[in-house]
Protein backbone atom coordinates (compact mmCIF):
# COMPACT_ATOMS: atom_id res chain seq x y z
CA MET A 1 -109.75 64.51 6.91
CA VAL A 2 -108.64 61.75 4.26
CA THR A 3 -105.14 63.27 4.14
CA GLN A 4 -104.88 63.19 7.86
CA LYS A 5 -105.88 59.21 7.86
CA CYS A 6 -103.02 58.58 5.08
CA THR A 7 -100.59 60.45 7.16
CA HIS A 8 -101.20 58.48 10.04
CA ALA A 9 -101.19 54.85 7.91
CA ALA A 10 -97.84 56.10 6.44
CA ALA A 11 -96.11 56.62 9.89
CA ALA A 12 -97.56 53.43 11.33
CA PHE A 13 -96.10 51.25 8.43
CA ALA A 14 -92.92 52.91 8.90
CA ALA A 15 -92.77 52.48 12.50
CA VAL A 16 -93.41 48.70 12.13
CA PHE A 17 -90.62 48.27 9.29
CA LEU A 18 -88.34 49.97 11.29
CA TRP A 19 -89.07 47.81 14.15
CA GLN A 20 -88.72 44.44 12.32
CA LEU A 21 -85.38 45.81 10.60
CA SER A 22 -83.76 46.63 14.11
CA ALA A 23 -85.07 43.05 15.28
CA SER A 24 -83.51 41.10 12.40
CA ALA A 25 -80.44 43.18 12.61
CA ASP A 26 -79.62 42.58 16.53
CA PRO A 27 -78.75 38.71 16.18
CA VAL A 28 -76.60 39.49 13.30
CA GLY A 29 -74.62 42.08 14.79
CA GLU A 30 -74.26 39.98 18.09
CA THR A 31 -72.93 37.10 16.29
CA THR A 32 -70.42 38.96 14.20
CA GLY A 33 -69.38 40.56 17.44
CA GLU A 34 -68.80 37.39 19.19
CA ALA A 35 -66.76 35.83 16.21
CA THR A 36 -64.65 38.96 16.27
CA ALA A 37 -63.97 38.75 19.72
CA GLU A 38 -62.98 35.03 19.54
CA LYS A 39 -60.51 35.49 16.63
CA LYS A 40 -58.80 38.12 18.49
CA GLU A 41 -58.72 35.98 21.55
CA ALA A 42 -57.48 32.85 19.85
CA ALA A 43 -54.93 35.15 17.87
CA ALA A 44 -53.70 36.21 21.52
CA GLU A 45 -53.54 33.04 22.79
CA GLU A 46 -51.46 31.98 19.58
CA LYS A 47 -48.88 34.75 20.27
CA THR A 48 -48.71 33.81 23.91
CA GLU A 49 -48.25 30.07 23.11
CA LYS A 50 -46.00 30.47 19.81
CA PRO A 51 -43.64 33.31 20.23
CA ALA A 52 -41.68 34.44 17.19
CA PRO A 53 -38.72 32.18 16.49
CA LYS A 54 -35.47 33.25 17.40
CA SER A 55 -31.95 32.66 15.57
CA GLU A 56 -30.05 29.49 17.19
CA VAL A 57 -26.55 29.34 17.99
CA ILE A 58 -25.00 25.91 17.09
CA PRO A 59 -21.27 24.66 17.00
CA SER A 60 -19.41 23.81 13.54
CA ILE A 61 -16.21 23.25 12.23
CA HIS A 62 -13.65 24.08 9.87
CA HIS A 63 -11.52 21.21 8.74
CA THR A 64 -9.64 20.17 5.50
CA PRO A 65 -10.36 16.45 4.77
CA LEU A 66 -7.59 14.07 4.55
CA THR A 67 -7.58 11.71 1.78
CA SER A 68 -4.33 9.63 2.07
CA ALA A 69 -1.46 8.57 4.69
CA LYS A 70 1.61 6.76 5.12
CA ALA A 71 1.23 3.23 6.63
CA SER A 72 2.40 2.99 10.41
CA GLU A 73 2.78 6.83 10.99
CA PRO A 74 0.69 8.72 13.11
CA LEU A 75 -2.01 10.41 11.36
CA ARG A 76 -2.85 13.96 12.96
CA ILE A 77 -6.36 15.59 12.27
CA ASP A 78 -6.58 19.21 12.78
CA VAL A 79 -9.83 21.20 13.08
CA THR A 80 -10.99 25.00 14.43
CA ILE A 81 -14.12 24.80 16.46
CA GLU A 82 -16.95 27.62 15.87
CA PHE A 83 -18.60 28.49 19.33
CA PRO A 84 -16.12 26.09 21.27
CA HIS A 85 -18.43 27.14 24.60
CA LEU A 86 -21.09 25.26 23.36
CA VAL A 87 -18.98 22.16 23.37
CA LYS A 88 -18.17 19.65 26.33
CA ASN A 89 -16.41 17.19 24.40
CA ALA A 90 -15.09 16.38 20.59
CA HIS A 91 -13.92 13.15 19.36
CA VAL A 92 -12.46 11.96 16.08
CA VAL A 93 -13.94 8.28 15.40
CA TYR A 94 -12.42 6.44 13.27
CA ARG A 95 -12.61 2.59 11.62
CA THR A 96 -9.64 0.52 11.03
CA GLY A 97 -10.53 -2.81 9.65
CA ASP A 98 -13.55 -4.11 11.68
CA LYS A 99 -12.65 -2.15 14.64
CA TRP A 100 -14.03 1.29 15.77
CA GLN A 101 -11.59 3.66 17.71
CA SER A 102 -11.92 6.90 19.11
CA VAL A 103 -9.41 9.71 20.12
CA ARG A 104 -10.22 12.98 21.68
CA LEU A 105 -9.92 16.47 20.11
CA LEU A 106 -7.53 18.51 22.14
CA ARG A 107 -6.77 22.18 22.38
CA THR A 108 -3.90 23.54 20.47
CA GLU A 109 -2.44 27.18 19.90
CA SER A 110 -4.03 27.03 16.70
CA GLY A 111 -7.23 24.93 17.22
CA TYR A 112 -7.94 21.52 18.06
CA SER A 113 -5.73 18.49 17.17
CA ALA A 114 -6.08 14.58 17.58
CA VAL A 115 -3.59 11.91 16.63
CA ILE A 116 -4.75 8.48 15.39
CA PRO A 117 -1.97 6.28 16.45
CA ALA A 118 0.67 4.71 14.19
CA GLU A 119 -0.56 1.11 14.63
CA HIS A 120 -3.92 1.97 13.72
CA VAL A 121 -2.68 3.70 10.28
CA GLN A 122 -2.48 0.21 8.30
CA PRO A 123 -3.32 -0.51 4.49
CA PRO A 124 -5.26 -0.29 2.61
CA ARG A 125 -7.54 2.38 4.30
CA LEU A 126 -9.22 3.90 7.12
CA GLY A 127 -12.27 6.34 7.68
CA TYR A 128 -13.01 8.92 10.18
CA THR A 129 -15.79 11.17 11.24
CA ILE A 130 -15.77 14.01 13.89
CA GLU A 131 -18.44 14.17 16.80
CA VAL A 132 -19.24 16.58 19.41
CA GLU A 133 -21.01 16.39 22.76
CA ARG A 134 -22.61 19.62 23.50
CA ILE A 135 -23.26 20.94 27.08
CA ASP A 136 -26.72 19.76 27.33
CA GLY A 137 -25.00 16.01 26.81
CA SER A 138 -26.47 15.61 23.06
CA ARG A 139 -23.86 14.10 20.66
CA GLU A 140 -23.79 14.62 16.94
CA ALA A 141 -21.63 14.34 14.12
CA ILE A 142 -20.54 17.71 12.27
CA PHE A 143 -18.03 16.25 9.87
CA ALA A 144 -18.91 13.20 8.12
CA THR A 145 -21.10 10.46 9.73
CA ARG A 146 -20.41 6.95 11.10
CA GLU A 147 -22.39 5.56 7.98
CA LEU A 148 -20.49 7.81 5.57
CA LEU A 149 -17.08 7.97 6.81
CA GLN A 150 -14.48 10.43 5.04
CA PRO A 151 -11.94 7.54 3.53
CA VAL A 152 -8.44 7.77 3.93
CA ILE A 153 -6.04 5.59 1.58
CA VAL A 154 -3.39 4.19 3.53
CA HIS A 155 -0.05 3.68 1.56
CA ASP A 156 2.77 1.33 2.25
CA ASP A 157 6.02 2.56 1.83
CA ASP A 158 8.52 1.16 -1.01
CA THR A 159 9.83 -1.57 1.22
CA ASP A 160 6.63 -2.74 2.28
CA ALA A 161 5.10 -2.70 -1.12
CA ARG A 162 7.97 -4.83 -2.44
CA GLU A 163 7.69 -7.09 0.31
CA ALA A 164 3.90 -7.81 -0.23
CA TRP A 165 4.55 -8.07 -3.88
CA LEU A 166 7.40 -10.56 -3.55
CA LEU A 167 5.57 -12.53 -0.93
CA ASP A 168 2.42 -12.72 -3.41
CA ARG A 169 4.74 -14.00 -6.02
CA LEU A 170 6.05 -16.80 -3.86
CA ALA A 171 2.33 -17.60 -2.68
CA GLY A 172 2.95 -16.44 0.79
CA ARG A 173 5.45 -19.01 1.38
CA ARG A 174 8.07 -17.40 3.67
CA SER A 175 10.13 -20.53 4.77
CA VAL A 176 11.66 -23.34 2.79
CA VAL A 177 12.97 -26.78 3.88
CA SER A 178 15.02 -28.78 1.58
CA ALA A 179 16.92 -32.10 1.40
CA THR A 180 19.67 -32.64 -1.17
CA GLY A 181 21.58 -35.71 -2.50
CA GLU A 182 24.50 -35.71 -5.18
CA LEU A 183 27.18 -38.18 -6.48
CA VAL A 184 30.06 -36.69 -8.18
CA ARG A 185 32.50 -38.74 -10.08
CA PHE A 186 35.87 -37.05 -11.72
CA GLY A 187 36.87 -40.66 -13.42
CA LYS A 188 40.27 -41.92 -12.56
CA THR A 189 42.75 -39.23 -11.33
CA VAL A 190 46.78 -40.01 -11.38
CA GLY A 191 48.89 -38.19 -9.17
CA LYS A 192 51.64 -36.07 -10.44
CA SER A 193 54.42 -37.81 -9.13
CA ALA A 194 55.87 -40.84 -7.49
CA LEU A 195 55.28 -41.17 -3.67
CA PRO A 196 57.29 -43.47 -1.39
CA CYS A 197 55.20 -46.20 -0.06
CA ALA A 198 54.16 -45.91 3.62
CA PRO A 199 54.11 -48.89 6.11
CA ASN A 200 51.56 -51.59 5.68
CA GLN A 201 50.71 -50.78 1.99
CA GLU A 202 49.18 -54.08 0.25
CA ASP A 203 50.27 -52.76 -3.36
CA CYS A 204 53.01 -50.79 -2.39
CA PRO A 205 56.24 -52.60 -0.60
CA LEU A 206 57.69 -50.30 2.05
CA GLY A 207 61.21 -48.72 0.31
CA GLN A 208 59.35 -48.58 -3.14
CA SER A 209 57.65 -45.57 -4.73
CA ARG A 210 54.46 -45.59 -6.80
CA VAL A 211 52.20 -42.88 -8.56
CA PRO A 212 48.85 -42.50 -6.75
CA GLU A 213 45.66 -43.36 -9.00
CA VAL A 214 42.21 -43.47 -7.48
CA ASP A 215 38.60 -43.32 -8.34
CA ASP A 216 38.20 -39.55 -7.72
CA GLN A 217 34.56 -39.11 -6.53
CA TYR A 218 32.29 -38.23 -3.64
CA TRP A 219 28.61 -38.01 -2.46
CA ARG A 220 27.04 -35.50 -0.50
CA VAL A 221 23.84 -35.07 1.33
CA GLU A 222 22.38 -31.82 2.72
CA ALA A 223 19.55 -30.61 4.84
CA SER A 224 18.90 -26.88 4.91
CA TYR A 225 16.20 -24.18 6.03
CA THR A 226 15.83 -20.70 4.69
CA TYR A 227 13.59 -17.88 5.86
CA ARG A 228 12.66 -15.01 3.54
CA PRO A 229 12.06 -11.47 5.39
CA LEU A 230 12.07 -10.09 1.70
CA ARG A 231 13.24 -6.74 2.74
CA THR A 232 16.91 -5.41 3.36
CA VAL A 233 17.67 -8.88 4.62
CA SER A 234 16.11 -10.86 1.66
CA GLU A 235 16.72 -14.16 3.29
CA PHE A 236 18.86 -16.18 5.72
CA GLY A 237 19.32 -19.99 6.46
CA PHE A 238 20.96 -22.54 7.89
CA LYS A 239 22.26 -25.94 6.61
CA ALA A 240 24.19 -29.08 7.65
CA GLY A 241 25.55 -31.71 5.41
CA VAL A 242 28.07 -34.80 5.01
CA VAL A 243 30.58 -35.43 2.14
CA ARG A 244 32.41 -38.78 1.92
CA GLY A 245 34.69 -39.61 -0.97
CA ARG A 246 38.10 -40.37 -2.36
CA SER A 247 40.76 -37.86 -4.08
CA VAL A 248 44.54 -37.69 -4.77
CA VAL A 249 45.54 -35.77 -1.70
CA ASP A 250 48.61 -33.77 -1.71
CA VAL A 251 50.84 -35.92 0.95
CA ASN A 252 54.39 -36.99 1.16
CA GLN A 253 53.84 -40.65 1.20
CA TYR A 254 51.55 -43.32 -0.62
CA ASP A 255 49.01 -44.30 2.15
CA ASP A 256 45.83 -45.74 0.62
CA ASP A 257 43.86 -44.28 3.74
CA LYS A 258 44.84 -41.04 3.01
CA PHE A 259 42.82 -40.85 0.08
CA ASP A 260 39.70 -41.57 1.56
CA VAL A 261 38.35 -37.85 2.46
CA GLY A 262 35.27 -36.63 4.04
CA LEU A 263 33.41 -33.60 5.44
CA ASN A 264 30.51 -33.16 8.28
CA TYR A 265 29.79 -29.44 8.09
CA ALA A 266 27.11 -26.86 9.40
CA GLY A 267 26.69 -23.45 8.38
CA ALA A 268 24.72 -20.11 8.18
CA ASN A 269 23.82 -18.14 4.91
CA VAL A 270 22.43 -14.47 4.75
CA ARG A 271 21.30 -12.75 1.44
CA PHE A 272 20.88 -8.66 1.33
CA ARG A 273 19.35 -6.59 -1.08
CA LEU A 274 21.27 -3.78 -2.22
CA ALA A 275 18.73 -2.98 -5.47
CA ASP A 276 15.61 -4.82 -7.13
CA ILE A 277 18.01 -6.61 -9.45
CA PHE A 278 21.42 -6.90 -7.02
CA HIS A 279 21.68 -9.03 -3.98
CA THR A 280 24.76 -10.20 -2.23
CA GLU A 281 25.06 -13.50 -0.32
CA PHE A 282 27.51 -14.47 2.69
CA GLU A 283 28.15 -17.71 4.07
CA LEU A 284 29.87 -18.94 7.25
CA MET A 285 30.64 -23.08 7.77
CA GLY A 286 32.30 -25.00 10.42
CA SER A 287 33.32 -28.32 9.53
CA VAL A 288 34.94 -31.45 10.71
CA THR A 289 37.46 -33.17 8.32
CA GLU A 290 39.55 -36.03 7.91
CA VAL A 291 42.25 -33.68 9.15
CA GLY A 292 40.50 -31.94 12.26
CA PHE A 293 38.26 -28.99 12.72
CA SER A 294 38.17 -26.21 10.22
CA THR A 295 36.10 -23.10 9.11
CA GLY A 296 35.10 -22.02 5.73
CA ALA A 297 33.50 -18.96 4.20
CA GLY A 298 31.59 -18.20 0.77
CA ALA A 299 30.24 -15.23 -0.85
CA ALA A 300 28.03 -14.47 -3.87
CA VAL A 301 26.49 -11.96 -6.41
CA ILE A 302 23.09 -12.37 -7.78
CA LEU A 303 22.04 -10.10 -10.79
CA GLY A 304 18.57 -10.02 -11.64
CA ASP A 305 15.31 -11.09 -10.38
CA PRO A 306 16.18 -13.14 -7.37
CA TYR A 307 13.11 -15.42 -7.73
CA ALA A 308 13.22 -15.82 -11.56
CA PHE A 309 15.69 -14.88 -14.38
CA ARG A 310 19.24 -14.18 -12.63
CA LEU A 311 22.71 -14.83 -13.08
CA THR A 312 24.64 -15.91 -10.05
CA PHE A 313 28.59 -15.66 -9.56
CA GLY A 314 30.15 -17.35 -6.41
CA TRP A 315 33.07 -18.45 -4.24
CA GLN A 316 33.28 -20.98 -1.38
CA THR A 317 36.52 -22.03 0.49
CA ILE A 318 36.79 -24.85 3.42
CA GLY A 319 39.94 -24.68 5.40
CA PHE A 320 42.28 -21.64 5.29
CA THR A 321 45.32 -23.13 6.43
CA GLU A 322 47.38 -25.99 5.05
CA GLY A 323 46.49 -28.33 8.00
CA THR A 324 42.71 -27.54 7.70
CA TYR A 325 42.41 -27.04 3.79
CA PHE A 326 39.49 -29.15 2.12
CA GLY A 327 38.94 -26.95 -1.04
CA THR A 328 37.69 -24.25 -3.01
CA ARG A 329 34.90 -23.78 -5.33
CA PHE A 330 34.25 -20.87 -7.83
CA TYR A 331 30.86 -21.14 -9.70
CA THR A 332 28.61 -19.21 -11.95
CA ARG A 333 24.77 -20.21 -12.51
CA MET A 334 21.99 -18.87 -14.94
CA ASP A 335 18.42 -19.52 -13.93
CA LEU A 336 16.06 -19.33 -16.86
CA PRO A 337 12.41 -19.55 -16.20
CA VAL A 338 10.73 -21.84 -18.99
CA ASN A 339 7.23 -21.10 -17.59
CA SER A 340 5.48 -20.57 -14.26
CA ARG A 341 6.31 -24.40 -13.45
CA ILE A 342 9.73 -24.93 -14.88
CA THR A 343 13.21 -23.55 -14.65
CA LEU A 344 16.36 -24.50 -16.40
CA ALA A 345 19.66 -23.54 -14.60
CA PRO A 346 23.01 -24.33 -16.52
CA SER A 347 26.24 -23.61 -14.30
CA VAL A 348 30.13 -24.01 -14.34
CA GLU A 349 32.03 -24.67 -11.45
CA VAL A 350 35.98 -24.69 -10.94
CA THR A 351 36.70 -26.69 -7.95
CA ASP A 352 39.53 -28.69 -6.29
CA MET A 353 37.24 -30.27 -3.52
CA PRO A 354 37.16 -32.56 -1.88
CA HIS A 355 40.74 -32.13 -0.87
CA ALA A 356 42.22 -32.76 -4.23
CA ASP A 357 45.75 -31.83 -5.30
CA ARG A 358 44.28 -29.78 -8.73
CA PHE A 359 41.28 -28.21 -9.76
CA GLY A 360 38.57 -30.01 -12.08
CA VAL A 361 35.94 -28.34 -14.24
CA ARG A 362 32.10 -29.20 -13.79
CA LEU A 363 29.53 -28.47 -16.44
CA LEU A 364 26.04 -28.77 -15.08
CA ALA A 365 22.36 -28.50 -15.62
CA ASP A 366 19.52 -28.00 -13.22
CA GLY A 367 15.92 -28.34 -13.79
CA GLY A 368 13.45 -27.05 -11.33
CA PHE A 369 9.91 -28.29 -11.43
CA VAL A 370 6.87 -26.95 -9.48
CA LEU A 371 4.70 -29.97 -8.15
CA GLY A 372 2.22 -27.93 -6.29
CA LYS A 373 1.07 -27.69 -2.82
CA GLY A 374 4.44 -26.04 -1.79
CA PHE A 375 6.81 -28.70 -3.21
CA THR A 376 9.45 -28.28 -6.10
CA LEU A 377 11.49 -30.79 -7.29
CA TRP A 378 15.26 -29.87 -8.62
CA VAL A 379 17.11 -32.58 -10.68
CA ARG A 380 20.82 -32.27 -11.51
CA GLY A 381 22.97 -33.87 -14.31
CA GLY A 382 26.53 -32.95 -15.73
CA TYR A 383 29.93 -34.02 -16.45
CA GLN A 384 33.34 -33.04 -14.47
CA ALA A 385 37.02 -33.86 -14.82
CA ARG A 386 39.99 -32.88 -13.42
CA VAL A 387 42.34 -33.92 -16.26
CA SER A 388 41.54 -34.47 -19.99
CA GLN A 389 42.17 -37.86 -20.15
CA SER A 390 39.45 -38.93 -17.83
CA GLY A 391 36.17 -37.55 -16.41
CA GLY A 392 32.62 -38.85 -15.08
CA PRO A 393 28.92 -37.74 -14.44
CA ALA A 394 27.06 -36.08 -11.75
CA VAL A 395 23.81 -36.95 -10.66
CA GLY A 396 21.56 -35.49 -8.06
CA GLY A 397 18.30 -34.05 -6.72
CA THR A 398 17.02 -31.52 -4.12
CA LEU A 399 13.33 -31.52 -3.06
CA GLN A 400 11.84 -28.43 -1.27
CA PHE A 401 9.10 -27.75 0.44
CA GLY A 402 7.57 -24.03 1.03
CA PHE A 403 5.46 -22.88 3.83
């Protein structure tokens, strides 16, 4: 009896325990199932909204960067474009000075090419980038950028570099105007032989003869303009001047008026550069003398620096016929810079100007002084004579203005 009751109590306890356990386990199982379902649904949605990334094909180029170019020559840029079917247009965008320019890349047999015009290839440098416009309209740089351009150094050719160097030495002053004045005295010159007197001579009666004796001298004023291209043609210029004086003219009669000589002249000259230390200069002149119209010419060879230490050998003749001859001179001059502001220039000249019957020798010294603001003053002093018994001084000056 007792045993039967214990058996029923144990069965009842086990039933209650199992019921409580199932009741408490149901909510947990329900929550876990719902969470698992939500995660699966979210994962499915994520897969639907964010598919796995695929590899994107983008255009690219193969290009050897340019680092230097020659001034005033076209600059060609060659590239190869990968996946050109994705590119609508391609351009080389470049900057020269403060200006932006663009040239289109065009198809060639081996790829694509663009040419920067020669007038845009100027010292000291330019920079470029390569940009493409895709078929969707977007534009991007695929070589360098506008903020970080590929630099290209532009080199002058030798002539341009020399011109720039010389112009810098001359402080940018290509043009020079100058005014010159000079007084030259050869002393008293006596003729070689007695001449029969011409009519109406106060100190030489008609029918008699007399040896000419005059104060051999002249004065000269001249204005000139010079322009300096500083290239193969180094300089060219124009000048005009007046000469008046007295000289023992080679005539057949003693006539005091014949000893008055004069010249009104104009001319042009050009200097050529054959090498850095070798220049030649040529001159043509037209003039009106006391005997009529005449022509003249001259030439010079300049050895050394044309604007510093140099040695010049020159020649000039006015009048090539007996009736128009005014004179010839041969000269040599050496320019010796003392410093940046002072130049000394001794010279020797042999001349029969103006219209004399013999040659004389002139020993001269010029001094050039840079005054500033483009002004330079040259002063001249010297001595000359046609005969050993007599001679005289030479004084003169030239004022130059460069601009």
